[in-house]
């Protein structure tokens, strides 16, 4: 199946989610949130989820780790649609469930499952 992961994460109110950055105010030890006014992209979320280590990854086989790495690279480098297998789709949805918010997981599942 072909999927374009270069899409914005859409909030529950159907607006694109913006990225925020936590910044220290001077050298005070106090922090504030600065809106970057950049849309949060699904491909970045998926790459981070694929790259993360989870509790159940304690005995992760090298081949499985390399498969996740290679899929993350393909998604990160893609400028448009990429071909993914059914196994890739299951893996992406599984790591999104473990490593993402419910909103991001839901939007990722919508994107993958809507592909014909």
Protein backbone atom coordinates (compact mmCIF):
# COMPACT_ATOMS: atom_id res chain seq x y z
CA UNK A 1 0.00 0.00 0.00
CA UNK A 2 1.13 3.56 -0.65
CA UNK A 3 0.95 6.10 2.17
CA UNK A 4 1.94 9.75 2.41
CA UNK A 5 3.07 10.39 5.99
CA UNK A 6 4.01 14.02 5.22
CA UNK A 7 0.81 15.34 6.72
CA UNK A 8 -0.01 17.54 9.66
CA UNK A 9 -1.35 16.09 12.90
CA UNK A 10 -4.94 17.33 13.06
CA UNK A 11 -6.40 18.23 16.46
CA UNK A 12 -9.80 17.10 17.67
CA UNK A 13 -11.16 20.47 16.46
CA UNK A 14 -9.92 19.73 12.91
CA UNK A 15 -7.11 22.31 13.02
CA UNK A 16 -3.43 21.46 12.49
CA UNK A 17 -1.55 21.00 15.76
CA UNK A 18 1.34 23.42 16.19
CA UNK A 19 4.71 22.50 17.66
CA UNK A 20 5.74 24.04 20.93
CA UNK A 21 9.17 24.41 22.47
CA UNK A 22 9.95 24.67 26.16
CA UNK A 23 12.46 27.46 26.77
CA UNK A 24 14.20 28.68 29.89
CA UNK A 25 13.55 32.31 30.77
CA UNK A 26 17.03 33.78 31.14
CA UNK A 27 19.02 31.83 33.73
CA UNK A 28 16.16 31.83 36.21
CA UNK A 29 15.37 28.13 36.19
CA UNK A 30 11.84 29.05 35.11
CA UNK A 31 10.45 27.81 31.86
CA UNK A 32 7.85 28.93 29.38
CA UNK A 33 6.26 27.37 26.33
CA UNK A 34 7.00 29.07 23.04
CA UNK A 35 4.76 28.31 20.08
CA UNK A 36 6.91 27.69 17.00
CA UNK A 37 4.02 28.24 14.58
CA UNK A 38 5.10 25.12 12.68
CA UNK A 39 2.70 22.28 12.13
CA UNK A 40 3.47 19.01 13.88
CA UNK A 41 3.93 16.40 11.16
CA UNK A 42 2.82 12.77 11.34
CA UNK A 43 6.06 11.56 9.76
CA UNK A 44 8.11 13.05 12.63
CA UNK A 45 5.80 11.51 15.20
CA UNK A 46 6.05 8.09 13.56
CA UNK A 47 9.85 8.28 13.22
CA UNK A 48 10.12 9.12 16.93
CA UNK A 49 7.77 6.27 17.87
CA UNK A 50 9.72 3.79 15.73
CA UNK A 51 13.02 5.01 17.21
CA UNK A 52 11.98 4.84 20.85
CA UNK A 53 12.78 1.94 23.16
CA UNK A 54 9.85 0.53 25.11
CA UNK A 55 9.75 -1.65 28.20
CA UNK A 56 8.86 -4.69 26.11
CA UNK A 57 11.92 -4.00 23.91
CA UNK A 58 14.28 -5.29 26.61
CA UNK A 59 15.00 -8.44 24.56
CA UNK A 60 14.55 -6.84 21.14
CA UNK A 61 16.22 -8.85 18.41
CA UNK A 62 18.78 -7.03 16.28
CA UNK A 63 16.89 -7.73 13.05
CA UNK A 64 13.67 -6.24 14.48
CA UNK A 65 15.54 -3.14 15.66
CA UNK A 66 17.16 -2.73 12.23
CA UNK A 67 13.78 -3.16 10.51
CA UNK A 68 12.35 -0.37 12.67
CA UNK A 69 15.39 1.80 11.93
CA UNK A 70 15.13 1.23 8.16
CA UNK A 71 11.39 1.96 8.14
CA UNK A 72 11.96 5.15 10.16
CA UNK A 73 14.60 6.27 7.65
CA UNK A 74 12.30 5.59 4.69
CA UNK A 75 9.50 7.59 6.30
CA UNK A 76 11.82 10.47 7.27
CA UNK A 77 13.37 10.75 3.79
CA UNK A 78 10.12 10.41 1.85
CA UNK A 79 8.90 13.50 0.01
CA UNK A 80 5.52 11.97 -0.77
CA UNK A 81 3.95 8.53 -0.88
CA UNK A 82 5.98 5.48 0.03
CA UNK A 83 5.14 1.83 -0.32
CA UNK A 84 4.66 0.01 2.99
CA UNK A 85 3.77 -3.60 3.64
CA UNK A 86 0.91 -4.84 5.79
CA UNK A 87 3.57 -5.77 8.38
CA UNK A 88 4.95 -2.21 8.29
CA UNK A 89 1.43 -0.86 8.85
CA UNK A 90 0.91 -3.12 11.88
CA UNK A 91 4.31 -2.13 13.30
CA UNK A 92 3.62 1.59 12.85
CA UNK A 93 0.21 1.31 14.54
CA UNK A 94 1.70 -0.77 17.38
CA UNK A 95 4.52 1.67 18.18
CA UNK A 96 2.14 4.61 17.82
CA UNK A 97 -0.13 3.00 20.42
CA UNK A 98 2.83 2.59 22.79
CA UNK A 99 4.61 5.87 22.16
CA UNK A 100 2.06 8.46 21.09
CA UNK A 101 -0.96 10.27 22.40
CA UNK A 102 -4.36 8.78 21.66
CA UNK A 103 -4.92 11.63 19.17
CA UNK A 104 -1.73 10.88 17.23
CA UNK A 105 -2.38 7.12 17.32
CA UNK A 106 -5.91 7.64 16.01
CA UNK A 107 -4.80 9.94 13.18
CA UNK A 108 -2.02 7.52 12.18
CA UNK A 109 -4.52 4.63 12.09
CA UNK A 110 -6.95 6.74 10.05
CA UNK A 111 -4.21 7.54 7.55
CA UNK A 112 -3.04 3.95 7.16
CA UNK A 113 -6.49 2.34 7.16
CA UNK A 114 -7.92 4.87 4.68
CA UNK A 115 -5.36 3.87 2.06
CA UNK A 116 -6.78 1.73 -0.71
